[in-house]
Amino acid sequence: MARLFFSYSHDDESYRDQLEKHLSMLKNQKLIDSWHDRRIEAGSSIDGLIEAELDRADIILLLISASFLASTYCYSKEMARAIERHNLGEAVVIPVIVRPCDWHPAPFGGLLAAPRDGKAISTWPNYDEAYADVARQVRTVAERLAGGKTAPALSAGAGTASQAGSASPGAASAASPWEPRSSNLALRKEFSDLDKDAFLQDSFSYVRRFFKASMEELEKRNKDIKAVFGEIDAQTFNAMLYKHGKKVAECSVHCGGNGFSRASIAFSFDASSRGNSMNESLSVDADNQIMYLRSMGMFSGGDRASKLSQEGGAELLWEMFIERLQ
């Protein structure tokens, strides 16, 4: 069984919680057992225990974000030791990019990062797909360390006294020195109205940058297309596409309240709209771990049950806008 160590900033604890859930199948198959600093008991020597666990780990996940890079402990101590052990062939380091940041010049920048293409988890339209991709990459390493053999998941009757009696003589000495325990330890997180309003404003800023950059790239690739992006005010922008001088698509995006939600991002096919009319709306919602965007599904046909990341919400509105050109 490979020992897995999480190196992360506490700012990114929610990402670690979700990733640990997605690694549950590997734990059930006895391919890995994981450790992170939230398992340190009161009265323990924090630095000494972290160093000991880091030195015994077979797989080290670096959960990379600006917070990780800014943390002296994460970057200068945990990451430095992890890379040293990786270079010695004593452990496998996997950088997991959780939030966009300037990570390529770092000492781990030459390693293949997860999720695929090093695309930060927070930017995936579907968070579960990102976590599942990381889990698959961890599985590949864990199975290689196990000699390519996948242990079967424990059945309901596994671990009985009769089975223990049939174990090989060396099984006890090879057993893990840590105690088994549940990976279901995440506690409910509460998000205030202030948290949700801040997430809404940050999401609107993301959508605005997404549209502007996409329109610039669209114009570069198509000589017959003229893209006009307008910053109306801090809460509204509009976009228009012209083909051979003829307007073929237009929209406005406004951040604020409407008749359906206390606060939302409203999309309208009318470039002059200021949120008084809309064809689609993205509102902020939250489960017990994360905040996300939810589509009203008014015109786009989007699934109201979907938990959209900021990129997922921006892509939904962009598809509505560009559909008339395509």
C-alpha atoms as a PDB file:
ATOM      1  CA  MET A   1       0.000   0.000   0.000  1.00  0.00           C
ATOM      2  CA  ALA A   2       1.447   3.365  -1.041  1.00  0.00           C
ATOM      3  CA  ARG A   3       1.544   6.122   1.550  1.00  0.00           C
ATOM      4  CA  LEU A   4       0.179   9.406   0.116  1.00  0.00           C
ATOM      5  CA  PHE A   5       0.981  12.830   1.583  1.00  0.00           C
ATOM      6  CA  PHE A   6      -1.025  16.014   0.927  1.00  0.00           C
ATOM      7  CA  SER A   7       1.029  19.211   0.884  1.00  0.00           C
ATOM      8  CA  TYR A   8      -1.344  22.170   0.673  1.00  0.00           C
ATOM      9  CA  SER A   9      -2.225  25.623   1.961  1.00  0.00           C
ATOM     10  CA  HIS A  10      -5.161  25.751   4.354  1.00  0.00           C
ATOM     11  CA  ASP A  11      -6.719  28.279   1.955  1.00  0.00           C
ATOM     12  CA  ASP A  12      -7.206  25.280  -0.341  1.00  0.00           C
ATOM     13  CA  GLU A  13      -8.585  22.863   2.233  1.00  0.00           C
ATOM     14  CA  SER A  14     -11.890  22.480   0.378  1.00  0.00           C
ATOM     15  CA  TYR A  15      -9.977  21.217  -2.679  1.00  0.00           C
ATOM     16  CA  ARG A  16      -8.142  18.685  -0.537  1.00  0.00           C
ATOM     17  CA  ASP A  17     -11.427  17.516   0.988  1.00  0.00           C
ATOM     18  CA  GLN A  18     -13.005  16.924  -2.414  1.00  0.00           C
ATOM     19  CA  LEU A  19      -9.910  15.264  -3.881  1.00  0.00           C
ATOM     20  CA  GLU A  20      -9.700  12.880  -0.930  1.00  0.00           C
ATOM     21  CA  LYS A  21     -13.268  11.761  -1.646  1.00  0.00           C
ATOM     22  CA  HIS A  22     -12.321  11.003  -5.254  1.00  0.00           C
ATOM     23  CA  LEU A  23      -9.387   8.907  -4.030  1.00  0.00           C
ATOM     24  CA  SER A  24     -11.707   6.724  -1.937  1.00  0.00           C
ATOM     25  CA  MET A  25     -11.749   3.869  -4.464  1.00  0.00           C
ATOM     26  CA  LEU A  26      -7.956   3.629  -4.290  1.00  0.00           C
ATOM     27  CA  LYS A  27      -8.228   3.404  -0.500  1.00  0.00           C
ATOM     28  CA  ASN A  28     -10.931   0.741  -0.746  1.00  0.00           C
ATOM     29  CA  GLN A  29      -8.631  -1.293  -2.984  1.00  0.00           C
ATOM     30  CA  LYS A  30      -5.783  -0.920  -0.499  1.00  0.00           C
ATOM     31  CA  LEU A  31      -3.671   0.871  -3.083  1.00  0.00           C
ATOM     32  CA  ILE A  32      -3.103   3.978  -0.974  1.00  0.00           C
ATOM     33  CA  ASP A  33      -3.514   5.374   2.490  1.00  0.00           C
ATOM     34  CA  SER A  34      -3.348   9.145   2.801  1.00  0.00           C
ATOM     35  CA  TRP A  35      -2.147  11.597   5.412  1.00  0.00           C
ATOM     36  CA  HIS A  36      -2.411  15.359   5.905  1.00  0.00           C
ATOM     37  CA  ASP A  37      -1.828  17.736   8.774  1.00  0.00           C
ATOM     38  CA  ARG A  38      -5.455  17.765   9.949  1.00  0.00           C
ATOM     39  CA  ARG A  39      -4.758  14.339  11.443  1.00  0.00           C
ATOM     40  CA  ILE A  40      -2.267  15.738  13.925  1.00  0.00           C
ATOM     41  CA  GLU A  41      -3.550  15.242  17.451  1.00  0.00           C
ATOM     42  CA  ALA A  42      -3.438  17.863  20.181  1.00  0.00           C
ATOM     43  CA  GLY A  43      -0.130  17.889  22.019  1.00  0.00           C
ATOM     44  CA  SER A  44       1.832  16.422  19.099  1.00  0.00           C
ATOM     45  CA  SER A  45       5.008  17.957  17.718  1.00  0.00           C
ATOM     46  CA  ILE A  46       3.671  19.516  14.527  1.00  0.00           C
ATOM     47  CA  ASP A  47       6.924  20.059  12.619  1.00  0.00           C
ATOM     48  CA  GLY A  48       8.399  16.733  13.656  1.00  0.00           C
ATOM     49  CA  LEU A  49       5.293  14.761  12.696  1.00  0.00           C
ATOM     50  CA  ILE A  50       4.919  16.483   9.330  1.00  0.00           C
ATOM     51  CA  GLU A  51       8.578  15.860   8.511  1.00  0.00           C
ATOM     52  CA  ALA A  52       8.271  12.191   9.495  1.00  0.00           C
ATOM     53  CA  GLU A  53       5.136  11.664   7.366  1.00  0.00           C
ATOM     54  CA  LEU A  54       6.691  13.497   4.429  1.00  0.00           C
ATOM     55  CA  ASP A  55       9.793  11.293   4.628  1.00  0.00           C
ATOM     56  CA  ARG A  56       7.777   8.061   4.707  1.00  0.00           C
ATOM     57  CA  ALA A  57       5.433   9.024   1.836  1.00  0.00           C
ATOM     58  CA  ASP A  58       5.573   7.155  -1.465  1.00  0.00           C
ATOM     59  CA  ILE A  59       3.360   9.655  -3.328  1.00  0.00           C
ATOM     60  CA  ILE A  60       3.370  13.378  -2.533  1.00  0.00           C
ATOM     61  CA  LEU A  61       0.593  15.584  -3.889  1.00  0.00           C
ATOM     62  CA  LEU A  62       1.444  19.282  -4.042  1.00  0.00           C
ATOM     63  CA  LEU A  63      -1.839  21.222  -4.214  1.00  0.00           C
ATOM     64  CA  ILE A  64      -0.646  24.253  -6.120  1.00  0.00           C
ATOM     65  CA  SER A  65      -2.152  27.736  -5.891  1.00  0.00           C
ATOM     66  CA  ALA A  66      -0.943  31.272  -5.227  1.00  0.00           C
ATOM     67  CA  SER A  67      -1.512  30.551  -1.531  1.00  0.00           C
ATOM     68  CA  PHE A  68       0.763  27.489  -1.714  1.00  0.00           C
ATOM     69  CA  LEU A  69       3.503  29.461  -3.470  1.00  0.00           C
ATOM     70  CA  ALA A  70       3.179  32.290  -0.927  1.00  0.00           C
ATOM     71  CA  SER A  71       3.429  29.937   2.053  1.00  0.00           C
ATOM     72  CA  THR A  72       6.965  29.712   3.393  1.00  0.00           C
ATOM     73  CA  TYR A  73       6.210  26.390   5.056  1.00  0.00           C
ATOM     74  CA  CYS A  74       4.574  24.790   2.001  1.00  0.00           C
ATOM     75  CA  TYR A  75       7.096  26.094  -0.516  1.00  0.00           C
ATOM     76  CA  SER A  76      10.417  26.220   1.318  1.00  0.00           C
ATOM     77  CA  LYS A  77       9.966  23.218   3.609  1.00  0.00           C
ATOM     78  CA  GLU A  78       7.428  20.679   2.325  1.00  0.00           C
ATOM     79  CA  MET A  79       7.917  21.262  -1.394  1.00  0.00           C
ATOM     80  CA  ALA A  80      11.699  21.476  -1.141  1.00  0.00           C
ATOM     81  CA  ARG A  81      11.896  18.176   0.742  1.00  0.00           C
ATOM     82  CA  ALA A  82       9.386  16.559  -1.620  1.00  0.00           C
ATOM     83  CA  ILE A  83      11.427  17.489  -4.699  1.00  0.00           C
ATOM     84  CA  GLU A  84      14.610  16.267  -3.003  1.00  0.00           C
ATOM     85  CA  ARG A  85      13.029  12.854  -2.379  1.00  0.00           C
ATOM     86  CA  HIS A  86      11.572  12.777  -5.907  1.00  0.00           C
ATOM     87  CA  ASN A  87      15.008  13.438  -7.443  1.00  0.00           C
ATOM     88  CA  LEU A  88      16.492  10.659  -5.312  1.00  0.00           C
ATOM     89  CA  GLY A  89      13.825   8.246  -6.552  1.00  0.00           C
ATOM     90  CA  GLU A  90      12.438   7.794  -3.039  1.00  0.00           C
ATOM     91  CA  ALA A  91       8.964   9.208  -3.787  1.00  0.00           C
ATOM     92  CA  VAL A  92       6.802  10.386  -6.664  1.00  0.00           C
ATOM     93  CA  VAL A  93       5.752  14.042  -6.618  1.00  0.00           C
ATOM     94  CA  ILE A  94       2.570  15.016  -8.471  1.00  0.00           C
ATOM     95  CA  PRO A  95       1.770  18.737  -8.708  1.00  0.00           C
ATOM     96  CA  VAL A  96      -2.030  19.187  -8.621  1.00  0.00           C
ATOM     97  CA  ILE A  97      -2.971  22.639  -9.874  1.00  0.00           C
ATOM     98  CA  VAL A  98      -6.024  23.716  -7.886  1.00  0.00           C
ATOM     99  CA  ARG A  99      -6.117  27.430  -8.768  1.00  0.00           C
ATOM    100  CA  PRO A 100      -4.444  29.386 -11.584  1.00  0.00           C
ATOM    101  CA  CYS A 101      -1.043  30.796 -10.644  1.00  0.00           C
ATOM    102  CA  ASP A 102       2.456  31.303 -12.050  1.00  0.00           C
ATOM    103  CA  TRP A 103       3.770  27.831 -11.176  1.00  0.00           C
ATOM    104  CA  HIS A 104       5.825  26.841 -14.234  1.00  0.00           C
ATOM    105  CA  PRO A 105       9.132  28.465 -13.063  1.00  0.00           C
ATOM    106  CA  ALA A 106       8.945  26.590  -9.727  1.00  0.00           C
ATOM    107  CA  PRO A 107      11.233  23.596  -9.036  1.00  0.00           C
ATOM    108  CA  PHE A 108       8.330  21.257  -9.795  1.00  0.00           C
ATOM    109  CA  GLY A 109       7.495  23.103 -13.034  1.00  0.00           C
ATOM    110  CA  GLY A 110       9.149  20.403 -15.138  1.00  0.00           C
ATOM    111  CA  LEU A 111       6.957  17.634 -13.723  1.00  0.00           C
ATOM    112  CA  LEU A 112       3.772  16.492 -15.436  1.00  0.00           C
ATOM    113  CA  ALA A 113       0.983  18.191 -13.506  1.00  0.00           C
ATOM    114  CA  ALA A 114      -2.585  17.125 -12.898  1.00  0.00           C
ATOM    115  CA  PRO A 115      -5.341  17.549 -13.955  1.00  0.00           C
ATOM    116  CA  ARG A 116      -4.467  17.008 -17.617  1.00  0.00           C
ATOM    117  CA  ASP A 117      -2.527  19.790 -19.319  1.00  0.00           C
ATOM    118  CA  GLY A 118      -2.009  21.409 -15.915  1.00  0.00           C
ATOM    119  CA  LYS A 119      -5.411  23.087 -16.152  1.00  0.00           C
ATOM    120  CA  ALA A 120      -6.380  24.321 -12.686  1.00  0.00           C
ATOM    121  CA  ILE A 121      -9.284  22.499 -11.043  1.00  0.00           C
ATOM    122  CA  SER A 122     -11.088  25.784 -10.321  1.00  0.00           C
ATOM    123  CA  THR A 123     -11.296  26.552 -14.060  1.00  0.00           C
ATOM    124  CA  TRP A 124     -12.923  23.271 -15.157  1.00  0.00           C
ATOM    125  CA  PRO A 125     -16.606  23.567 -16.132  1.00  0.00           C
ATOM    126  CA  ASN A 126     -17.301  20.415 -14.119  1.00  0.00           C
ATOM    127  CA  TYR A 127     -15.294  20.058 -10.907  1.00  0.00           C
ATOM    128  CA  ASP A 128     -15.911  16.306 -10.617  1.00  0.00           C
ATOM    129  CA  GLU A 129     -14.277  15.697 -14.006  1.00  0.00           C
ATOM    130  CA  ALA A 130     -11.159  17.497 -12.801  1.00  0.00           C
ATOM    131  CA  TYR A 131     -10.947  15.526  -9.552  1.00  0.00           C
ATOM    132  CA  ALA A 132     -11.602  12.251 -11.386  1.00  0.00           C
ATOM    133  CA  ASP A 133      -8.747  13.036 -13.778  1.00  0.00           C
ATOM    134  CA  VAL A 134      -6.385  13.599 -10.839  1.00  0.00           C
ATOM    135  CA  ALA A 135      -7.553  10.347  -9.247  1.00  0.00           C
ATOM    136  CA  ARG A 136      -6.801   8.430 -12.463  1.00  0.00           C
ATOM    137  CA  GLN A 137      -3.268   9.817 -12.558  1.00  0.00           C
ATOM    138  CA  VAL A 138      -2.699   8.937  -8.895  1.00  0.00           C
ATOM    139  CA  ARG A 139      -4.032   5.429  -9.628  1.00  0.00           C
ATOM    140  CA  THR A 140      -1.471   4.969 -12.415  1.00  0.00           C
ATOM    141  CA  VAL A 141       1.377   5.760 -10.027  1.00  0.00           C
ATOM    142  CA  ALA A 142      -0.064   3.704  -7.154  1.00  0.00           C
ATOM    143  CA  GLU A 143      -0.537   0.632  -9.368  1.00  0.00           C
ATOM    144  CA  ARG A 144       3.011   0.963 -10.677  1.00  0.00           C
ATOM    145  CA  LEU A 145       4.353   1.133  -7.124  1.00  0.00           C
ATOM    146  CA  ALA A 146       2.278  -1.930  -6.283  1.00  0.00           C
ATOM    147  CA  GLY A 147       3.887  -3.825  -9.157  1.00  0.00           C
ATOM    148  CA  GLY A 148       0.950  -3.365 -11.509  1.00  0.00           C
ATOM    149  CA  LYS A 149      -1.333  -5.471  -9.321  1.00  0.00           C
ATOM    150  CA  THR A 150      -4.643  -4.002  -8.250  1.00  0.00           C
ATOM    151  CA  ALA A 151      -5.903  -5.267  -4.890  1.00  0.00           C
ATOM    152  CA  PRO A 152      -9.626  -6.102  -4.809  1.00  0.00           C
ATOM    153  CA  ALA A 153     -11.989  -3.859  -2.889  1.00  0.00           C
ATOM    154  CA  LEU A 154     -12.950  -5.202   0.516  1.00  0.00           C
ATOM    155  CA  SER A 155     -16.230  -7.070   0.558  1.00  0.00           C
ATOM    156  CA  ALA A 156     -18.744  -6.953   3.382  1.00  0.00           C
ATOM    157  CA  GLY A 157     -17.153  -9.963   5.109  1.00  0.00           C
ATOM    158  CA  ALA A 158     -13.538  -8.892   4.722  1.00  0.00           C
ATOM    159  CA  GLY A 159     -11.323  -8.574   7.755  1.00  0.00           C
ATOM    160  CA  THR A 160     -12.922 -11.359   9.858  1.00  0.00           C
ATOM    161  CA  ALA A 161     -10.957 -13.363  12.372  1.00  0.00           C
ATOM    162  CA  SER A 162     -10.959 -16.480  10.181  1.00  0.00           C
ATOM    163  CA  GLN A 163      -9.484 -14.563   7.276  1.00  0.00           C
ATOM    164  CA  ALA A 164      -6.871 -12.997   9.523  1.00  0.00           C
ATOM    165  CA  GLY A 165      -5.853 -16.486  10.638  1.00  0.00           C
ATOM    166  CA  SER A 166      -5.119 -17.524   7.062  1.00  0.00           C
ATOM    167  CA  ALA A 167      -2.810 -14.582   6.426  1.00  0.00           C
ATOM    168  CA  SER A 168       0.833 -15.223   5.680  1.00  0.00           C
ATOM    169  CA  PRO A 169       3.292 -15.178   8.633  1.00  0.00           C
ATOM    170  CA  GLY A 170       4.879 -11.968   7.397  1.00  0.00           C
ATOM    171  CA  ALA A 171       1.585 -10.115   7.013  1.00  0.00           C
ATOM    172  CA  ALA A 172       1.616  -8.629  10.512  1.00  0.00           C
ATOM    173  CA  SER A 173       5.082  -7.159  10.145  1.00  0.00           C
ATOM    174  CA  ALA A 174       4.159  -5.682   6.773  1.00  0.00           C
ATOM    175  CA  ALA A 175       0.934  -4.141   8.050  1.00  0.00           C
ATOM    176  CA  SER A 176       0.592  -0.371   8.176  1.00  0.00           C
ATOM    177  CA  PRO A 177       1.531   1.205  11.547  1.00  0.00           C
ATOM    178  CA  TRP A 178      -1.336   3.715  11.321  1.00  0.00           C
ATOM    179  CA  GLU A 179      -4.921   3.031  12.277  1.00  0.00           C
ATOM    180  CA  PRO A 180      -7.693   2.662   9.669  1.00  0.00           C
ATOM    181  CA  ARG A 181     -10.256   5.428   9.669  1.00  0.00           C
ATOM    182  CA  SER A 182     -12.918   7.002   7.490  1.00  0.00           C
ATOM    183  CA  SER A 183     -12.077   9.509   4.763  1.00  0.00           C
ATOM    184  CA  ASN A 184     -15.507  11.066   5.330  1.00  0.00           C
ATOM    185  CA  LEU A 185     -14.330  13.753   7.741  1.00  0.00           C
ATOM    186  CA  ALA A 186     -15.260  16.941   5.896  1.00  0.00           C
ATOM    187  CA  LEU A 187     -17.455  19.212   7.983  1.00  0.00           C
ATOM    188  CA  ARG A 188     -20.164  21.449   6.618  1.00  0.00           C
ATOM    189  CA  LYS A 189     -18.979  24.881   5.543  1.00  0.00           C
ATOM    190  CA  GLU A 190     -21.206  27.917   5.959  1.00  0.00           C
ATOM    191  CA  PHE A 191     -21.179  30.705   3.365  1.00  0.00           C
ATOM    192  CA  SER A 192     -22.432  34.157   4.336  1.00  0.00           C
ATOM    193  CA  ASP A 193     -24.193  36.666   2.092  1.00  0.00           C
ATOM    194  CA  LEU A 194     -20.891  38.538   1.983  1.00  0.00           C
ATOM    195  CA  ASP A 195     -19.102  35.409   0.721  1.00  0.00           C
ATOM    196  CA  LYS A 196     -21.733  34.877  -1.977  1.00  0.00           C
ATOM    197  CA  ASP A 197     -21.715  38.522  -3.086  1.00  0.00           C
ATOM    198  CA  ALA A 198     -17.913  38.443  -3.356  1.00  0.00           C
ATOM    199  CA  PHE A 199     -18.093  35.227  -5.387  1.00  0.00           C
ATOM    200  CA  LEU A 200     -20.703  36.819  -7.672  1.00  0.00           C
ATOM    201  CA  GLN A 201     -18.526  39.869  -8.322  1.00  0.00           C
ATOM    202  CA  ASP A 202     -15.478  37.684  -8.924  1.00  0.00           C
ATOM    203  CA  SER A 203     -17.506  35.502 -11.313  1.00  0.00           C
ATOM    204  CA  PHE A 204     -18.759  38.544 -13.239  1.00  0.00           C
ATOM    205  CA  SER A 205     -15.183  39.787 -13.562  1.00  0.00           C
ATOM    206  CA  TYR A 206     -14.193  36.365 -14.892  1.00  0.00           C
ATOM    207  CA  VAL A 207     -17.055  36.350 -17.438  1.00  0.00           C
ATOM    208  CA  ARG A 208     -16.082  39.844 -18.616  1.00  0.00           C
ATOM    209  CA  ARG A 209     -12.430  38.852 -19.132  1.00  0.00           C
ATOM    210  CA  PHE A 210     -13.522  35.582 -20.781  1.00  0.00           C
ATOM    211  CA  PHE A 211     -15.705  37.417 -23.305  1.00  0.00           C
ATOM    212  CA  LYS A 212     -13.120  40.080 -24.065  1.00  0.00           C
ATOM    213  CA  ALA A 213     -10.304  37.583 -24.658  1.00  0.00           C
ATOM    214  CA  SER A 214     -12.555  35.265 -26.703  1.00  0.00           C
ATOM    215  CA  MET A 215     -13.696  38.127 -28.945  1.00  0.00           C
ATOM    216  CA  GLU A 216     -10.123  39.276 -29.529  1.00  0.00           C
ATOM    217  CA  GLU A 217      -9.094  35.754 -30.527  1.00  0.00           C
ATOM    218  CA  LEU A 218     -12.171  35.314 -32.740  1.00  0.00           C
ATOM    219  CA  GLU A 219     -11.322  38.503 -34.613  1.00  0.00           C
ATOM    220  CA  LYS A 220      -7.691  37.423 -35.073  1.00  0.00           C
ATOM    221  CA  ARG A 221      -8.756  34.115 -36.626  1.00  0.00           C
ATOM    222  CA  ASN A 222     -11.426  35.538 -38.946  1.00  0.00           C
ATOM    223  CA  LYS A 223     -10.579  38.520 -41.134  1.00  0.00           C
ATOM    224  CA  ASP A 224     -14.220  39.086 -42.063  1.00  0.00           C
ATOM    225  CA  ILE A 225     -15.294  39.390 -38.405  1.00  0.00           C
ATOM    226  CA  LYS A 226     -15.226  42.615 -36.410  1.00  0.00           C
ATOM    227  CA  ALA A 227     -15.694  42.206 -32.664  1.00  0.00           C
ATOM    228  CA  VAL A 228     -16.754  45.174 -30.543  1.00  0.00           C
ATOM    229  CA  PHE A 229     -16.519  44.852 -26.770  1.00  0.00           C
ATOM    230  CA  GLY A 230     -18.001  47.641 -24.639  1.00  0.00           C
ATOM    231  CA  GLU A 231     -17.373  48.422 -20.964  1.00  0.00           C
ATOM    232  CA  ILE A 232     -20.647  50.169 -20.069  1.00  0.00           C
ATOM    233  CA  ASP A 233     -19.978  50.497 -16.336  1.00  0.00           C
ATOM    234  CA  ALA A 234     -18.534  48.463 -13.467  1.00  0.00           C
ATOM    235  CA  GLN A 235     -21.544  46.139 -13.524  1.00  0.00           C
ATOM    236  CA  THR A 236     -22.333  45.879 -17.247  1.00  0.00           C
ATOM    237  CA  PHE A 237     -20.623  45.126 -20.542  1.00  0.00           C
ATOM    238  CA  ASN A 238     -21.917  44.421 -24.012  1.00  0.00           C
ATOM    239  CA  ALA A 239     -20.567  42.600 -27.050  1.00  0.00           C
ATOM    240  CA  MET A 240     -21.317  42.789 -30.778  1.00  0.00           C
ATOM    241  CA  LEU A 241     -20.069  40.775 -33.735  1.00  0.00           C
ATOM    242  CA  TYR A 242     -20.114  42.059 -37.317  1.00  0.00           C
ATOM    243  CA  LYS A 243     -19.540  39.967 -40.436  1.00  0.00           C
ATOM    244  CA  HIS A 244     -18.674  41.980 -43.536  1.00  0.00           C
ATOM    245  CA  GLY A 245     -20.007  45.014 -41.685  1.00  0.00           C
ATOM    246  CA  LYS A 246     -23.382  43.447 -40.837  1.00  0.00           C
ATOM    247  CA  LYS A 247     -24.239  42.868 -37.189  1.00  0.00           C
ATOM    248  CA  VAL A 248     -24.791  39.137 -36.670  1.00  0.00           C
ATOM    249  CA  ALA A 249     -24.740  38.810 -32.874  1.00  0.00           C
ATOM    250  CA  GLU A 250     -25.078  41.034 -29.858  1.00  0.00           C
ATOM    251  CA  CYS A 251     -25.573  40.719 -26.114  1.00  0.00           C
ATOM    252  CA  SER A 252     -25.224  42.471 -22.805  1.00  0.00           C
ATOM    253  CA  VAL A 253     -24.170  40.976 -19.472  1.00  0.00           C
ATOM    254  CA  HIS A 254     -25.125  42.679 -16.225  1.00  0.00           C
ATOM    255  CA  CYS A 255     -24.258  41.892 -12.630  1.00  0.00           C
ATOM    256  CA  GLY A 256     -26.950  42.692 -10.077  1.00  0.00           C
ATOM    257  CA  GLY A 257     -30.381  41.735  -8.818  1.00  0.00           C
ATOM    258  CA  ASN A 258     -33.410  40.809 -10.881  1.00  0.00           C
ATOM    259  CA  GLY A 259     -36.891  39.487 -10.362  1.00  0.00           C
ATOM    260  CA  PHE A 260     -35.693  35.890 -10.099  1.00  0.00           C
ATOM    261  CA  SER A 261     -32.733  36.215  -7.745  1.00  0.00           C
ATOM    262  CA  ARG A 262     -31.365  38.567  -5.116  1.00  0.00           C
ATOM    263  CA  ALA A 263     -28.110  38.716  -7.048  1.00  0.00           C
ATOM    264  CA  SER A 264     -27.207  37.216 -10.395  1.00  0.00           C
ATOM    265  CA  ILE A 265     -25.420  37.635 -13.696  1.00  0.00           C
ATOM    266  CA  ALA A 266     -28.062  38.443 -16.323  1.00  0.00           C
ATOM    267  CA  PHE A 267     -27.512  37.762 -20.034  1.00  0.00           C
ATOM    268  CA  SER A 268     -29.615  39.426 -22.752  1.00  0.00           C
ATOM    269  CA  PHE A 269     -29.551  39.246 -26.540  1.00  0.00           C
ATOM    270  CA  ASP A 270     -30.194  43.009 -26.452  1.00  0.00           C
ATOM    271  CA  ALA A 271     -26.896  44.914 -26.275  1.00  0.00           C
ATOM    272  CA  SER A 272     -28.677  47.925 -24.771  1.00  0.00           C
ATOM    273  CA  SER A 273     -30.156  45.983 -21.840  1.00  0.00           C
ATOM    274  CA  ARG A 274     -28.971  46.914 -18.349  1.00  0.00           C
ATOM    275  CA  GLY A 275     -30.400  43.941 -16.509  1.00  0.00           C
ATOM    276  CA  ASN A 276     -34.037  44.999 -16.899  1.00  0.00           C
ATOM    277  CA  SER A 277     -34.590  42.131 -19.347  1.00  0.00           C
ATOM    278  CA  MET A 278     -32.733  38.865 -19.793  1.00  0.00           C
ATOM    279  CA  ASN A 279     -32.623  35.591 -21.669  1.00  0.00           C
ATOM    280  CA  GLU A 280     -30.482  33.705 -19.180  1.00  0.00           C
ATOM    281  CA  SER A 281     -29.298  34.174 -15.630  1.00  0.00           C
ATOM    282  CA  LEU A 282     -26.533  32.751 -13.447  1.00  0.00           C
ATOM    283  CA  SER A 283     -27.049  32.872  -9.688  1.00  0.00           C
ATOM    284  CA  VAL A 284     -24.733  31.924  -6.835  1.00  0.00           C
ATOM    285  CA  ASP A 285     -25.521  28.786  -4.869  1.00  0.00           C
ATOM    286  CA  ALA A 286     -23.581  26.615  -2.437  1.00  0.00           C
ATOM    287  CA  ASP A 287     -23.508  23.098  -1.071  1.00  0.00           C
ATOM    288  CA  ASN A 288     -21.819  22.133   2.190  1.00  0.00           C
ATOM    289  CA  GLN A 289     -18.337  22.538   0.696  1.00  0.00           C
ATOM    290  CA  ILE A 290     -18.170  25.005  -2.209  1.00  0.00           C
ATOM    291  CA  MET A 291     -19.905  27.936  -3.883  1.00  0.00           C
ATOM    292  CA  TYR A 292     -20.831  27.621  -7.544  1.00  0.00           C
ATOM    293  CA  LEU A 293     -22.970  29.129 -10.314  1.00  0.00           C
ATOM    294  CA  ARG A 294     -26.382  27.785 -11.236  1.00  0.00           C
ATOM    295  CA  SER A 295     -28.110  28.428 -14.553  1.00  0.00           C
ATOM    296  CA  MET A 296     -31.789  29.349 -14.675  1.00  0.00           C
ATOM    297  CA  GLY A 297     -32.041  27.352 -17.927  1.00  0.00           C
ATOM    298  CA  MET A 298     -34.383  29.962 -19.401  1.00  0.00           C
ATOM    299  CA  PHE A 299     -33.048  30.048 -22.960  1.00  0.00           C
ATOM    300  CA  SER A 300     -29.851  28.031 -23.008  1.00  0.00           C
ATOM    301  CA  GLY A 301     -31.511  24.787 -21.966  1.00  0.00           C
ATOM    302  CA  GLY A 302     -28.853  24.460 -19.285  1.00  0.00           C
ATOM    303  CA  ASP A 303     -29.353  21.934 -16.508  1.00  0.00           C
ATOM    304  CA  ARG A 304     -30.444  23.827 -13.396  1.00  0.00           C
ATOM    305  CA  ALA A 305     -28.998  21.043 -11.258  1.00  0.00           C
ATOM    306  CA  SER A 306     -25.484  21.560 -12.660  1.00  0.00           C
ATOM    307  CA  LYS A 307     -22.863  23.123 -10.414  1.00  0.00           C
ATOM    308  CA  LEU A 308     -20.993  25.427 -12.748  1.00  0.00           C
ATOM    309  CA  SER A 309     -17.519  26.783 -12.122  1.00  0.00           C
ATOM    310  CA  GLN A 310     -16.756  30.330 -13.233  1.00  0.00           C
ATOM    311  CA  GLU A 311     -15.415  28.995 -16.518  1.00  0.00           C
ATOM    312  CA  GLY A 312     -18.463  26.774 -16.937  1.00  0.00           C
ATOM    313  CA  GLY A 313     -20.791  29.745 -16.460  1.00  0.00           C
ATOM    314  CA  ALA A 314     -18.785  31.931 -18.841  1.00  0.00           C
ATOM    315  CA  GLU A 315     -18.752  29.180 -21.483  1.00  0.00           C
ATOM    316  CA  LEU A 316     -22.534  28.760 -21.213  1.00  0.00           C
ATOM    317  CA  LEU A 317     -23.147  32.461 -21.901  1.00  0.00           C
ATOM    318  CA  TRP A 318     -20.522  32.552 -24.660  1.00  0.00           C
ATOM    319  CA  GLU A 319     -22.163  29.625 -26.467  1.00  0.00           C
ATOM    320  CA  MET A 320     -25.484  31.485 -26.439  1.00  0.00           C
ATOM    321  CA  PHE A 321     -23.791  34.583 -27.850  1.00  0.00           C
ATOM    322  CA  ILE A 322     -21.752  32.951 -30.619  1.00  0.00           C
ATOM    323  CA  GLU A 323     -24.449  30.452 -31.652  1.00  0.00           C
ATOM    324  CA  ARG A 324     -26.080  33.014 -33.961  1.00  0.00           C
ATOM    325  CA  LEU A 325     -22.798  33.505 -35.803  1.00  0.00           C
ATOM    326  CA  GLN A 326     -22.056  29.806 -36.040  1.00  0.00           C
END
